[in-house]
Amino acid sequence: MPTMLPAVPTIDDIRAAAARIAPHAQITPLLTSPALDARAGGRVLLKAEVLQHTGSFKLRGALNRLLQLSDDERSRGVVAYSSGNHAQAVAYSASLLGMRSVIIMPKDAPALKIERTRAFGGEVVSYDRYTEDRAAIGSAIAQEHRLTLVPPYEDPYIVAGQGTLALEALGQASAMGYAPDMLLVCCGGGGLTAGCALVAEAVSPNTVVHPCEPAEFDDMARSLRLGHRVANEPGTRSICDAIVTPTPGEFTFFINQSRVGAGLTVTDDEVLAAIAFAVRELKLVVEPGGAAALAAMLAGKVDTRDRTTMVVVTGGNIDPAILARAMGVA
């Protein structure tokens, strides 16, 4: 392991993160559905993280990171970059802790996510995701204003915080008498996948974690197949704005490479179908990036027959126009 990478979180780190964020985070339900079971030909357990505060799992990592800042760091504030869900999570967590937050967001991020980030107290700085480097912008702002940079996934505290989702979900499954054969999780930079993989390795080693990505942003799937990180083609597009990263994180790929199963990919049409299914059959509103794992299951991207499959719907901050399109009323 290169010395430049931080230490990989342990299961004890993830359990400590769970205790740390417990006063502020929601315990989200693990749902069953006859309609899902019928489609899968087996048992499906749906982790409804859309019901988390700020509407996504990102709160877990953001809270865990901010709660460990020193008093001096808190007094100066934080800066983050995100297409929307990490943005909202950092802004919300910072406000909760009485801190300043500066959030770098793409100009074409869903208006709802920009509005909610501001409503949570974040100072939004816009950039062009196709021509500018958000990490470079974030580093410059952090240095100029002496703010702590809170990246969306390349951070052990973020990974440990995201891992609390799997710790919680696998505990709920065990209480229900289930040991999942698979855990399907939406994947962008790989932070949630990494946290889930670390938990599964420690407490449910027979559960295979499958990262699920948009077909045009399958950098994690291709990187896993090739054994090294690869990038997506510049200028590609997907409705799954929450998980359209250019390449897997170095730290998160290091964790995932030896711990996860094959990556699964879904098309925009399959994602739209999953959003419509979630509304009609599950009564849940799921955003495109948060529906990738559900889309993979519904589209048969992995064999679920006679197996127990856990699926995470990771976010519900959907643009109204996309929701209308999914429901066939656009």
Foldseek 3Di string as FASTA:
>chain_A
DDPVADDADAVVLLVVLCVQCVVPKDLFAFDWFPVLCVLQQATETEGEQCPIVLRFLLLQLLLLVVSPDDPVQQALAEEEEALASVLLSNLQNNVVVVGAYEYEHEPPRFPLRVVNSVVSPYRYDYDHPQPDDPVVVRVVVCVVSVHHYDYSARDNSSLSRLLNSLVSRCVVQVVVVDQAQEEEFEAAQQSNVLSNLNVCVPPPVNYAYAYFYAPQQCQLLVCLVVVHKDFGDRPDDAQLRRRRYGIHDPNNSVSVNPRHDGYHHDYNLLLLLQQLCCCPRVVAAAASSLSRRVSCSSVVVDRSNHGYYYYYRGGRSYRPVSNCVSNVND
